[in-house]
Amino acid sequence: MRQASCPLTDLPAPDSIIAWLPAGPVTRNQFLADVHQLAGQLPDGRHVLNICHNRYHFLVGLAAAIVCGKVSLLPSSLTPNTVARLRHDTPDVFCLHDASLEDIDLPGVPFPAGRAPVEGILAVPEIPAEQVVAHVFTSGSTGAALIHRKTWGCLVINALSESERLGARGCALVGTVPPQHMYGFESTVLICLHGGAACWSGRPFYPADISAALDAVPPPRALVTTPFHLRTLLEAGLPLPPVDFLLSATAPLSEELAARAEAACGAPLLEIYGCTETGQLASRRSTQTRAWQLLGEVTLCATETGYAARGGHVESIVPISDVIERVDERHFLLHGRNADQVNIAGKRTSLAYLNQQLLAVPGVTDGVFFMPDAEPDDHATRLCACVVAPGHTRQSLLAALRSRIDTAFLPRPLVFVERLPRNAASKLPRADLLALLPGATAVAGNTGAPAGERERHWCVPAAHPAFPGHFPGRPILPGVVLIDQALQLADGLLPAGCVIRGLGNAKFFEPVGPGTPLVFDYAPASPKALAFAVRAGDRVVASGSFTLGPQP
């Protein structure tokens, strides 16, 4: 039976440590004083958008909102459209910030400068277990965000279950993930309120900053991070202070990377599995087992389409959008997301598996496979990939991938970039990935021309000399003519000081006949390549890329 109320924090004594700042530890008593000070300064609006960068400030803001009966909004992004939607749906919303409003069009409340005075031992407030304290958001099938309401009692159960599984009580946590993201919210904020851990106030990103943050807190300590940050940290080769455990989530973690991390840090690496709708559901140590173990009292129940989670901190029966194989009542195997499954030419795999293989290629520092937008039924669907691999050419990387994956899953196109467009949670918004593809409206890099000037037009002359004999009764423009025309039209679109050195690749999808109006759309594929797509109306008839080199 669930309790009618739960304290704001379960820290047992006034001098218990809840956070670490560069100036030193923050005790429970100081924390409560800071909470009461901020609570007295919050406006009447019931909804709070807490964008504080300092993790301790976020923690105080969350607690002050809870004490005042307000709801903290945790959207997946802060785009103008998202903010406009929040303002429309919750007209009383205001923004709590500790830096700037970052062009957020909402009433702003700055986090108080200076520490609140502490007078005596402050009592820990009791909070009704059924009080809704946070709204988290996921994308709905129509594009409109879906709201998931989180009650205080369930969040407390969530935090306690994680802390018990990790052995986090008394541990200092350094997190590379933002507190506004569900993973960071649970594993670096809630676990400090209920679970006995203490968070580092900063959010280090670069390897040197991560090492310095770990060194700034006393043992026992742990790093709460993502596969991307972990790989970057290991590639840097910096000496790291000893940690008691590593925690990873937000993306699949390869066994190879997990083993490297454990060897480098001399500590176990644990993974968290969950989703925004449910919160964290299970954990595992991937160097020892593929099976996930459910947290606390969470259970899985079979549905017509797969499995759903219920019990424990899960607010209701929530379907899981992943392919799960149950091992027993408390353990399961994860075979990727349903939306993650790929079927090309009758062959099946998952994007998660392909990403693991891509990242396992020596010289690849970051990369991702993804499916393009749906093609017409008569077009073959091919996977796309964006990759950060400074030492590779397209040919060398494809050769490495051929040894790891079926050729049906080789990416076309394969786009080289200086960095992937990761958001604050280290995730890759699909729209940003699509913008990197050749022919996209928004492109990465600079062709030397504004976006509206990267198109060239050409109408195939009916009397073009290439048509006679090619073919009698059905004239078709040879592919070499399209390439030559693409080469000529690229003049003026090259980066300064570059010339075309050769043809990187070319594909031809549909025949082109006499009198066909064509659009040649150019975009950078990498610093050393210019991609092009040839369209007839809304159909892509050919695509390819030119290799670039310095002007002699």
Protein backbone atom coordinates (compact mmCIF):
# COMPACT_ATOMS: atom_id res chain seq x y z
CA MET A 1 0.00 0.00 0.00
CA ARG A 2 1.42 3.35 -1.03
CA GLN A 3 1.94 6.10 1.48
CA ALA A 4 -0.36 9.10 1.54
CA SER A 5 2.65 11.43 1.60
CA CYS A 6 6.41 11.36 1.21
CA PRO A 7 9.00 13.81 2.54
CA LEU A 8 10.72 16.18 0.17
CA THR A 9 13.95 14.32 0.87
CA ASP A 10 14.87 11.19 2.81
CA LEU A 11 18.28 12.48 3.89
CA PRO A 12 18.42 11.50 7.56
CA ALA A 13 20.26 14.41 9.20
CA PRO A 14 20.53 18.19 8.79
CA ASP A 15 24.23 17.88 7.91
CA SER A 16 23.67 15.12 5.30
CA ILE A 17 25.15 16.13 1.92
CA ILE A 18 22.78 16.55 -1.02
CA ALA A 19 25.05 18.29 -3.55
CA TRP A 20 28.60 19.38 -4.26
CA LEU A 21 29.52 22.84 -5.50
CA PRO A 22 32.98 24.14 -6.44
CA ALA A 23 32.92 25.88 -3.03
CA GLY A 24 32.18 22.63 -1.18
CA PRO A 25 29.27 20.46 -0.02
CA VAL A 26 25.65 21.53 0.45
CA THR A 27 23.90 20.08 3.49
CA ARG A 28 20.26 19.14 3.77
CA ASN A 29 19.66 22.15 6.01
CA GLN A 30 21.23 24.61 3.55
CA PHE A 31 19.27 23.01 0.73
CA LEU A 32 15.98 23.48 2.58
CA ALA A 33 16.86 27.10 3.28
CA ASP A 34 17.58 27.67 -0.43
CA VAL A 35 14.29 25.94 -1.33
CA HIS A 36 12.25 28.13 1.02
CA GLN A 37 13.98 31.29 -0.22
CA LEU A 38 13.20 30.50 -3.87
CA ALA A 39 9.66 29.33 -3.08
CA GLY A 40 8.92 32.78 -1.66
CA GLN A 41 10.04 34.42 -4.90
CA LEU A 42 8.12 32.31 -7.42
CA PRO A 43 5.14 33.98 -9.15
CA ASP A 44 1.56 32.74 -8.98
CA GLY A 45 1.68 30.69 -12.19
CA ARG A 46 1.29 26.96 -11.60
CA HIS A 47 3.64 25.79 -14.36
CA VAL A 48 7.43 26.19 -14.29
CA LEU A 49 9.87 25.73 -17.15
CA ASN A 50 13.12 25.12 -15.27
CA ILE A 51 16.07 25.65 -17.61
CA CYS A 52 18.74 26.11 -14.94
CA HIS A 53 22.11 24.88 -16.21
CA ASN A 54 23.58 24.44 -12.73
CA ARG A 55 22.33 21.04 -11.53
CA TYR A 56 21.99 22.22 -7.93
CA HIS A 57 19.96 25.22 -9.06
CA PHE A 58 17.70 22.88 -11.02
CA LEU A 59 17.32 20.69 -7.92
CA VAL A 60 16.38 23.67 -5.76
CA GLY A 61 13.97 24.93 -8.44
CA LEU A 62 12.26 21.55 -8.68
CA ALA A 63 11.92 21.28 -4.90
CA ALA A 64 10.63 24.86 -4.56
CA ALA A 65 8.01 24.18 -7.23
CA ILE A 66 6.95 20.99 -5.42
CA VAL A 67 6.63 22.81 -2.08
CA CYS A 68 4.48 25.48 -3.75
CA GLY A 69 2.25 22.93 -5.48
CA LYS A 70 3.53 23.85 -8.94
CA VAL A 71 4.29 21.57 -11.89
CA SER A 72 7.72 21.49 -13.55
CA LEU A 73 7.58 21.16 -17.34
CA LEU A 74 10.28 18.99 -18.91
CA PRO A 75 9.98 19.24 -22.72
CA SER A 76 12.37 17.37 -24.98
CA SER A 77 13.60 20.60 -26.58
CA LEU A 78 13.40 24.38 -26.26
CA THR A 79 12.71 25.22 -29.88
CA PRO A 80 10.51 28.27 -30.51
CA ASN A 81 7.69 25.94 -31.59
CA THR A 82 7.95 23.97 -28.35
CA VAL A 83 7.95 27.10 -26.22
CA ALA A 84 5.00 28.50 -28.16
CA ARG A 85 3.11 25.26 -27.54
CA LEU A 86 3.87 25.39 -23.81
CA ARG A 87 2.69 28.99 -23.67
CA HIS A 88 -0.51 28.06 -25.52
CA ASP A 89 -1.30 25.01 -23.40
CA THR A 90 -0.23 26.52 -20.05
CA PRO A 91 -0.71 30.30 -20.30
CA ASP A 92 0.53 30.82 -16.71
CA VAL A 93 3.94 29.23 -17.40
CA PHE A 94 7.09 31.10 -16.38
CA CYS A 95 10.75 30.28 -16.91
CA LEU A 96 13.23 29.75 -14.07
CA HIS A 97 16.77 30.38 -15.29
CA ASP A 98 20.30 30.91 -13.98
CA ALA A 99 21.99 32.30 -17.10
CA SER A 100 19.77 33.86 -19.74
CA LEU A 101 16.40 33.12 -21.22
CA GLU A 102 18.11 31.92 -24.41
CA ASP A 103 15.54 33.77 -26.54
CA ILE A 104 12.71 31.96 -24.72
CA ASP A 105 9.58 34.09 -25.03
CA LEU A 106 8.26 33.53 -21.51
CA PRO A 107 8.16 35.57 -18.30
CA GLY A 108 11.52 34.97 -16.62
CA VAL A 109 12.45 34.40 -12.99
CA PRO A 110 16.21 34.49 -12.30
CA PHE A 111 17.62 32.07 -9.77
CA PRO A 112 18.55 34.00 -6.62
CA ALA A 113 22.13 35.16 -6.36
CA GLY A 114 23.81 34.17 -3.13
CA ARG A 115 22.91 31.53 -0.55
CA ALA A 116 19.92 31.69 1.75
CA PRO A 117 20.64 32.30 5.44
CA VAL A 118 20.17 29.25 7.66
CA GLU A 119 18.46 29.71 11.01
CA GLY A 120 18.18 26.58 13.13
CA ILE A 121 17.29 23.13 11.92
CA LEU A 122 14.63 23.25 9.21
CA ALA A 123 11.83 20.69 9.02
CA VAL A 124 11.51 18.55 5.91
CA PRO A 125 8.17 19.28 4.15
CA GLU A 126 5.75 16.41 3.54
CA ILE A 127 4.38 16.19 0.01
CA PRO A 128 1.14 14.36 -0.94
CA ALA A 129 2.04 11.20 -2.84
CA GLU A 130 -0.63 11.87 -5.48
CA GLN A 131 0.55 15.41 -6.18
CA VAL A 132 1.54 15.87 -9.84
CA VAL A 133 4.97 17.50 -9.75
CA ALA A 134 6.21 17.17 -13.34
CA HIS A 135 5.04 16.91 -16.92
CA VAL A 136 7.31 15.12 -19.39
CA PHE A 137 6.62 15.08 -23.10
CA THR A 138 6.91 12.64 -25.98
CA SER A 139 6.00 13.00 -29.63
CA GLY A 140 2.57 11.75 -30.59
CA SER A 141 1.64 10.02 -33.83
CA THR A 142 0.06 13.27 -35.10
CA GLY A 143 3.13 15.34 -34.26
CA ALA A 144 1.54 16.95 -31.21
CA ALA A 145 3.39 16.37 -27.95
CA LEU A 146 1.90 13.92 -25.48
CA ILE A 147 1.97 14.84 -21.79
CA HIS A 148 2.97 12.27 -19.18
CA ARG A 149 2.12 13.37 -15.65
CA LYS A 150 4.47 12.27 -12.91
CA THR A 151 3.22 12.08 -9.32
CA TRP A 152 5.50 12.61 -6.35
CA GLY A 153 4.87 9.19 -4.81
CA CYS A 154 5.79 7.34 -8.00
CA LEU A 155 8.91 9.41 -8.55
CA VAL A 156 10.04 8.61 -5.00
CA ILE A 157 9.57 4.87 -5.61
CA ASN A 158 11.50 5.29 -8.88
CA ALA A 159 14.46 6.97 -7.19
CA LEU A 160 14.62 4.52 -4.31
CA SER A 161 14.54 1.53 -6.68
CA GLU A 162 17.42 2.90 -8.71
CA SER A 163 19.50 3.84 -5.69
CA GLU A 164 19.10 0.37 -4.21
CA ARG A 165 20.07 -1.34 -7.47
CA LEU A 166 23.12 0.87 -7.99
CA GLY A 167 24.24 1.09 -4.40
CA ALA A 168 24.26 4.87 -4.83
CA ARG A 169 23.52 5.96 -1.26
CA GLY A 170 26.37 8.16 -0.03
CA CYS A 171 27.84 8.42 -3.54
CA ALA A 172 28.76 11.66 -5.32
CA LEU A 173 27.37 11.71 -8.87
CA VAL A 174 28.95 13.57 -11.78
CA GLY A 175 26.52 13.77 -14.69
CA THR A 176 27.17 14.68 -18.33
CA VAL A 177 23.44 14.66 -19.13
CA PRO A 178 21.08 17.58 -18.50
CA PRO A 179 18.74 17.39 -15.49
CA GLN A 180 15.80 18.29 -17.75
CA HIS A 181 16.13 15.00 -19.64
CA MET A 182 14.32 12.03 -18.07
CA TYR A 183 17.53 10.05 -17.58
CA GLY A 184 19.36 12.96 -15.98
CA PHE A 185 16.24 13.89 -14.02
CA GLU A 186 16.02 10.44 -12.47
CA SER A 187 19.70 9.55 -12.10
CA THR A 188 21.21 12.88 -11.00
CA VAL A 189 18.31 14.75 -9.35
CA LEU A 190 15.59 12.49 -7.94
CA ILE A 191 18.18 10.06 -6.60
CA CYS A 192 19.59 12.89 -4.49
CA LEU A 193 16.19 13.71 -2.99
CA HIS A 194 15.39 10.06 -2.33
CA GLY A 195 18.27 7.65 -2.54
CA GLY A 196 21.00 9.30 -0.52
CA ALA A 197 23.25 10.36 -3.43
CA ALA A 198 24.75 13.83 -3.89
CA CYS A 199 25.04 15.52 -7.29
CA TRP A 200 27.88 17.60 -8.67
CA SER A 201 26.46 20.99 -9.60
CA GLY A 202 28.10 21.23 -13.00
CA ARG A 203 27.46 19.46 -16.26
CA PRO A 204 30.87 18.67 -17.79
CA PHE A 205 30.98 17.89 -21.49
CA TYR A 206 34.59 17.72 -22.65
CA PRO A 207 36.88 14.93 -21.37
CA ALA A 208 39.12 17.29 -19.39
CA ASP A 209 36.08 18.82 -17.70
CA ILE A 210 34.70 15.39 -16.81
CA SER A 211 38.01 14.37 -15.26
CA ALA A 212 38.18 17.64 -13.31
CA ALA A 213 34.60 17.24 -12.05
CA LEU A 214 35.27 13.71 -10.82
CA ASP A 215 38.38 14.98 -9.07
CA ALA A 216 36.35 17.74 -7.39
CA VAL A 217 34.11 15.33 -5.45
CA PRO A 218 35.23 12.82 -2.83
CA PRO A 219 34.84 9.06 -3.15
CA PRO A 220 32.66 7.12 -3.40
CA ARG A 221 31.80 8.68 -6.73
CA ALA A 222 30.22 7.70 -10.02
CA LEU A 223 29.89 9.01 -13.56
CA VAL A 224 26.39 9.26 -15.05
CA THR A 225 26.83 9.51 -18.79
CA THR A 226 25.94 8.30 -22.29
CA PRO A 227 27.71 6.04 -24.82
CA PHE A 228 28.68 9.09 -26.86
CA HIS A 229 30.28 10.92 -23.92
CA LEU A 230 31.88 7.69 -22.73
CA ARG A 231 33.47 6.94 -26.09
CA THR A 232 34.77 10.51 -26.37
CA LEU A 233 36.20 10.30 -22.86
CA LEU A 234 38.03 7.07 -23.57
CA GLU A 235 39.36 8.30 -26.91
CA ALA A 236 40.92 11.29 -25.13
CA GLY A 237 43.10 8.98 -23.06
CA LEU A 238 43.13 11.29 -20.03
CA PRO A 239 43.86 9.84 -16.58
CA LEU A 240 40.65 9.62 -14.57
CA PRO A 241 40.15 9.66 -10.82
CA PRO A 242 38.94 6.31 -9.47
CA VAL A 243 35.18 5.81 -9.67
CA ASP A 244 32.98 3.27 -7.93
CA PHE A 245 30.66 2.71 -10.90
CA LEU A 246 29.70 4.07 -14.30
CA LEU A 247 26.11 4.52 -15.44
CA SER A 248 25.02 4.73 -19.09
CA ALA A 249 21.70 5.25 -20.87
CA THR A 250 19.93 7.03 -23.80
CA ALA A 251 21.43 4.73 -26.47
CA PRO A 252 22.55 1.10 -26.87
CA LEU A 253 25.97 0.39 -25.46
CA SER A 254 28.21 -2.09 -27.25
CA GLU A 255 29.95 -4.81 -25.29
CA GLU A 256 33.25 -3.56 -26.72
CA LEU A 257 32.77 -0.03 -25.36
CA ALA A 258 31.52 -1.33 -22.01
CA ALA A 259 34.60 -3.54 -21.63
CA ARG A 260 36.94 -0.67 -22.55
CA ALA A 261 35.24 1.60 -20.03
CA GLU A 262 35.46 -0.91 -17.22
CA ALA A 263 39.11 -1.60 -17.96
CA ALA A 264 39.98 2.11 -18.08
CA CYS A 265 38.08 3.03 -14.91
CA GLY A 266 38.49 -0.17 -12.91
CA ALA A 267 34.81 -0.10 -12.03
CA PRO A 268 31.59 -1.80 -13.16
CA LEU A 269 29.53 -0.15 -15.88
CA LEU A 270 25.78 -0.42 -15.49
CA GLU A 271 23.14 0.40 -18.06
CA ILE A 272 19.68 1.78 -17.44
CA TYR A 273 16.80 0.90 -19.74
CA GLY A 274 13.57 2.86 -19.83
CA CYS A 275 11.61 5.52 -21.66
CA THR A 276 10.04 8.86 -20.96
CA GLU A 277 6.58 7.37 -20.52
CA THR A 278 7.62 4.90 -17.83
CA GLY A 279 10.87 6.21 -16.46
CA GLN A 280 13.62 3.67 -15.86
CA LEU A 281 12.53 0.05 -15.95
CA ALA A 282 15.58 -2.18 -15.73
CA SER A 283 19.34 -2.34 -15.48
CA ARG A 284 22.19 -4.67 -16.41
CA ARG A 285 25.95 -4.95 -16.40
CA SER A 286 26.49 -5.55 -20.09
CA THR A 287 29.97 -7.06 -19.73
CA GLN A 288 28.45 -9.90 -17.73
CA THR A 289 24.98 -10.46 -19.16
CA ARG A 290 22.69 -9.55 -22.05
CA ALA A 291 19.65 -9.88 -19.82
CA TRP A 292 17.98 -6.88 -18.23
CA GLN A 293 16.69 -7.08 -14.65
CA LEU A 294 13.53 -5.18 -13.78
CA LEU A 295 13.77 -2.53 -11.07
CA GLY A 296 11.78 -2.61 -7.85
CA GLU A 297 8.24 -3.87 -8.27
CA VAL A 298 7.97 -3.17 -12.00
CA THR A 299 6.57 -6.10 -14.00
CA LEU A 300 6.00 -6.90 -17.67
CA CYS A 301 2.68 -8.10 -19.03
CA ALA A 302 2.05 -9.52 -22.49
CA THR A 303 -0.17 -7.58 -24.92
CA GLU A 304 -1.43 -8.28 -28.42
CA THR A 305 1.47 -6.32 -29.90
CA GLY A 306 4.25 -7.09 -27.44
CA TYR A 307 4.72 -6.15 -23.79
CA ALA A 308 3.67 -3.41 -21.41
CA ALA A 309 5.15 -2.22 -18.12
CA ARG A 310 3.18 -1.83 -14.92
CA GLY A 311 3.59 -1.78 -11.17
CA GLY A 312 6.15 -0.07 -8.99
CA HIS A 313 6.59 3.55 -10.06
CA VAL A 314 4.87 3.08 -13.44
CA GLU A 315 1.73 5.21 -13.25
CA SER A 316 -0.47 2.89 -15.36
CA ILE A 317 -0.12 0.05 -17.88
CA VAL A 318 2.27 1.47 -20.49
CA PRO A 319 3.02 -0.33 -23.78
CA ILE A 320 6.72 -0.72 -24.58
CA SER A 321 7.77 0.17 -28.12
CA ASP A 322 10.65 -2.30 -28.11
CA VAL A 323 11.07 -5.91 -29.15
CA ILE A 324 11.36 -7.85 -25.89
CA GLU A 325 12.05 -11.52 -25.20
CA ARG A 326 11.08 -12.49 -21.68
CA VAL A 327 13.59 -14.74 -19.90
CA ASP A 328 11.70 -15.11 -16.61
CA GLU A 329 9.50 -12.99 -14.36
CA ARG A 330 12.30 -10.51 -13.58
CA HIS A 331 14.57 -10.69 -16.65
CA PHE A 332 14.26 -10.02 -20.36
CA LEU A 333 16.32 -9.56 -23.52
CA LEU A 334 16.03 -6.45 -25.65
CA HIS A 335 16.15 -6.83 -29.43
CA GLY A 336 15.75 -3.20 -30.42
CA ARG A 337 12.87 -0.86 -31.01
CA ASN A 338 10.03 -1.86 -33.28
CA ALA A 339 10.65 1.33 -35.20
CA ASP A 340 14.31 0.40 -35.15
CA GLN A 341 13.79 -2.72 -37.25
CA VAL A 342 15.04 -2.62 -40.84
CA ASN A 343 13.87 -4.87 -43.69
CA ILE A 344 15.71 -4.45 -46.98
CA ALA A 345 15.40 -6.98 -49.78
CA GLY A 346 13.97 -9.50 -47.35
CA LYS A 347 16.87 -9.15 -44.93
CA ARG A 348 16.26 -7.91 -41.39
CA THR A 349 18.39 -6.13 -38.83
CA SER A 350 18.09 -3.22 -36.41
CA LEU A 351 19.45 0.31 -36.50
CA ALA A 352 20.91 -0.25 -33.03
CA TYR A 353 22.98 -3.18 -34.30
CA LEU A 354 24.15 -1.23 -37.36
CA ASN A 355 25.15 1.71 -35.18
CA GLN A 356 27.19 -0.57 -32.94
CA GLN A 357 29.01 -1.98 -35.95
CA LEU A 358 29.68 1.49 -37.35
CA LEU A 359 31.09 2.77 -34.06
CA ALA A 360 33.26 -0.32 -33.72
CA VAL A 361 35.20 0.58 -36.90
CA PRO A 362 38.63 1.98 -35.94
CA GLY A 363 38.82 5.67 -36.77
CA VAL A 364 35.09 6.30 -36.38
CA THR A 365 34.53 8.70 -33.50
CA ASP A 366 30.78 9.12 -33.94
CA GLY A 367 28.14 8.00 -36.39
CA VAL A 368 24.55 6.92 -36.88
CA PHE A 369 22.42 4.95 -39.32
CA PHE A 370 18.87 6.09 -40.04
CA MET A 371 16.08 5.48 -42.49
CA PRO A 372 15.26 8.22 -44.98
CA ASP A 373 11.77 9.50 -45.52
CA ALA A 374 9.46 6.99 -47.19
CA GLU A 375 10.16 6.42 -50.85
CA PRO A 376 7.53 5.63 -53.48
CA ASP A 377 6.70 1.95 -53.72
CA ASP A 378 8.70 1.52 -56.89
CA HIS A 379 11.88 2.92 -55.33
CA ALA A 380 14.32 0.78 -53.41
CA THR A 381 14.75 2.05 -49.85
CA ARG A 382 18.36 2.47 -48.81
CA LEU A 383 19.76 3.31 -45.42
CA CYS A 384 21.52 6.58 -44.73
CA ALA A 385 24.42 7.19 -42.39
CA CYS A 386 26.21 10.24 -41.09
CA VAL A 387 29.67 9.72 -39.66
CA VAL A 388 32.57 11.53 -38.01
CA ALA A 389 35.68 9.71 -39.24
CA PRO A 390 38.52 12.11 -40.10
CA GLY A 391 40.95 9.38 -41.15
CA HIS A 392 38.59 7.59 -43.52
CA THR A 393 37.50 8.00 -47.09
CA ARG A 394 34.13 6.86 -48.28
CA GLN A 395 35.74 3.83 -49.90
CA SER A 396 37.75 2.78 -46.85
CA LEU A 397 34.80 3.09 -44.50
CA LEU A 398 32.47 1.14 -46.77
CA ALA A 399 35.14 -1.55 -47.05
CA ALA A 400 35.32 -1.77 -43.25
CA LEU A 401 31.53 -1.95 -42.99
CA ARG A 402 31.35 -4.72 -45.60
CA SER A 403 33.28 -6.91 -43.20
CA ARG A 404 30.76 -6.27 -40.47
CA ILE A 405 27.31 -6.03 -42.04
CA ASP A 406 25.41 -7.42 -45.02
CA THR A 407 25.90 -5.36 -48.16
CA ALA A 408 22.14 -4.76 -48.32
CA PHE A 409 22.53 -2.48 -45.30
CA LEU A 410 25.46 -0.42 -46.56
CA PRO A 411 24.45 3.24 -46.36
CA ARG A 412 23.59 5.22 -49.47
CA PRO A 413 24.32 8.04 -48.95
CA LEU A 414 27.21 7.98 -46.51
CA VAL A 415 27.72 11.56 -45.34
CA PHE A 416 30.93 12.69 -43.64
CA VAL A 417 30.52 15.54 -41.16
CA GLU A 418 32.74 17.28 -38.61
CA ARG A 419 30.23 16.54 -35.84
CA LEU A 420 26.73 15.12 -35.50
CA PRO A 421 23.85 17.46 -34.56
CA ARG A 422 23.33 16.06 -31.05
CA ASN A 423 20.98 17.86 -28.70
CA ALA A 424 21.53 18.48 -24.98
CA ALA A 425 20.60 14.89 -24.16
CA SER A 426 23.12 13.58 -26.73
CA LYS A 427 20.28 12.43 -28.96
CA LEU A 428 20.00 13.05 -32.69
CA PRO A 429 16.79 14.73 -33.85
CA ARG A 430 15.63 13.12 -37.08
CA ALA A 431 15.00 16.46 -38.77
CA ASP A 432 18.60 17.52 -38.16
CA LEU A 433 19.90 14.28 -39.66
CA LEU A 434 17.73 14.59 -42.74
CA ALA A 435 19.06 18.11 -43.22
CA LEU A 436 22.54 16.66 -43.68
CA LEU A 437 21.57 14.55 -46.69
CA PRO A 438 22.47 15.60 -50.21
CA GLY A 439 19.62 17.54 -51.72
CA ALA A 440 18.18 18.58 -48.35
CA THR A 441 16.78 22.06 -47.97
CA ALA A 442 18.95 22.67 -44.94
CA VAL A 443 22.50 21.45 -45.31
CA ALA A 444 25.59 21.28 -43.18
CA GLY A 445 28.52 23.36 -44.22
CA ASN A 446 28.82 25.96 -46.93
CA THR A 447 28.91 25.54 -50.68
CA GLY A 448 29.84 29.10 -51.21
CA ALA A 449 26.28 30.07 -52.13
CA PRO A 450 23.17 30.95 -50.11
CA ALA A 451 20.57 28.24 -49.68
CA GLY A 452 18.28 29.69 -52.35
CA GLU A 453 21.09 29.73 -54.91
CA ARG A 454 22.22 26.09 -54.72
CA GLU A 455 19.82 24.97 -57.46
CA ARG A 456 20.56 24.93 -61.15
CA HIS A 457 18.01 24.33 -63.91
CA TRP A 458 18.38 22.65 -67.28
CA CYS A 459 15.82 21.47 -69.80
CA VAL A 460 17.05 18.54 -71.85
CA PRO A 461 17.12 19.64 -75.51
CA ALA A 462 14.93 17.49 -77.68
CA ALA A 463 17.66 17.53 -80.34
CA HIS A 464 20.51 16.64 -77.99
CA PRO A 465 23.19 14.75 -80.00
CA ALA A 466 23.27 11.97 -77.42
CA PHE A 467 19.77 10.72 -78.30
CA PRO A 468 20.35 9.25 -81.82
CA GLY A 469 20.96 5.56 -81.37
CA HIS A 470 20.23 5.70 -77.60
CA PHE A 471 17.75 4.12 -78.06
CA PRO A 472 15.64 3.72 -81.26
CA GLY A 473 11.99 4.31 -80.43
CA ARG A 474 12.72 5.35 -76.84
CA PRO A 475 15.36 8.05 -76.55
CA ILE A 476 17.11 8.06 -73.15
CA LEU A 477 19.72 10.56 -72.05
CA PRO A 478 22.97 8.74 -71.17
CA GLY A 479 24.03 8.97 -67.55
CA VAL A 480 27.38 10.44 -68.54
CA VAL A 481 25.56 13.45 -69.99
CA LEU A 482 23.83 14.06 -66.66
CA ILE A 483 27.18 13.87 -64.88
CA ASP A 484 28.75 16.27 -67.38
CA GLN A 485 25.86 18.71 -66.96
CA ALA A 486 26.11 18.46 -63.17
CA LEU A 487 29.81 19.21 -63.46
CA GLN A 488 29.24 22.30 -65.61
CA LEU A 489 26.41 23.66 -63.46
CA ALA A 490 28.47 23.31 -60.27
CA ASP A 491 30.60 26.26 -61.33
CA GLY A 492 30.27 29.01 -58.72
CA LEU A 493 29.07 26.64 -55.99
CA LEU A 494 32.42 25.35 -54.80
CA PRO A 495 34.04 26.40 -51.53
CA ALA A 496 36.68 29.09 -51.94
CA GLY A 497 39.98 27.75 -53.25
CA CYS A 498 38.53 24.37 -54.33
CA VAL A 499 38.12 22.69 -57.68
CA ILE A 500 36.48 19.43 -58.73
CA ARG A 501 39.03 16.63 -58.92
CA GLY A 502 36.85 13.68 -59.81
CA LEU A 503 33.58 11.80 -59.53
CA GLY A 504 33.04 10.20 -56.14
CA ASN A 505 29.93 8.19 -56.96
CA ALA A 506 26.83 8.32 -59.13
CA LYS A 507 23.45 6.59 -59.17
CA PHE A 508 20.72 6.64 -61.78
CA PHE A 509 17.17 5.89 -60.68
CA GLU A 510 14.93 6.76 -63.63
CA PRO A 511 15.41 7.37 -67.36
CA VAL A 512 15.40 10.95 -68.63
CA GLY A 513 13.94 11.75 -72.02
CA PRO A 514 13.93 14.70 -74.45
CA GLY A 515 12.42 17.96 -73.21
CA THR A 516 12.54 17.00 -69.51
CA PRO A 517 12.99 20.00 -67.16
CA LEU A 518 15.63 19.10 -64.57
CA VAL A 519 16.73 20.67 -61.29
CA PHE A 520 20.28 20.09 -60.06
CA ASP A 521 20.44 20.52 -56.29
CA TYR A 522 23.88 20.78 -54.64
CA ALA A 523 24.98 20.30 -51.04
CA PRO A 524 28.28 19.56 -49.27
CA ALA A 525 28.76 15.91 -48.37
CA SER A 526 32.02 16.62 -46.53
CA PRO A 527 34.78 19.24 -46.61
CA LYS A 528 36.20 17.37 -49.61
CA ALA A 529 33.03 16.44 -51.50
CA LEU A 530 30.11 18.18 -53.17
CA ALA A 531 26.94 16.11 -53.48
CA PHE A 532 24.25 16.63 -56.07
CA ALA A 533 20.76 15.34 -56.73
CA VAL A 534 18.97 15.63 -60.07
CA ARG A 535 15.20 16.01 -59.90
CA ALA A 536 12.47 15.83 -62.50
CA GLY A 537 9.49 17.36 -60.75
CA ASP A 538 9.27 15.70 -57.34
CA ARG A 539 11.25 12.61 -58.43
CA VAL A 540 15.00 12.13 -57.95
CA VAL A 541 16.33 10.69 -61.20
CA ALA A 542 20.04 10.68 -60.32
CA SER A 543 22.44 11.57 -57.54
CA GLY A 544 26.14 11.55 -56.87
CA SER A 545 29.09 13.52 -55.58
CA PHE A 546 32.25 15.18 -56.82
CA THR A 547 35.54 14.99 -54.98
CA LEU A 548 37.15 18.36 -54.28
CA GLY A 549 40.74 19.46 -53.97
CA PRO A 550 42.75 22.68 -53.64
CA GLN A 551 42.98 24.95 -56.63
CA PRO A 552 46.37 24.60 -58.35
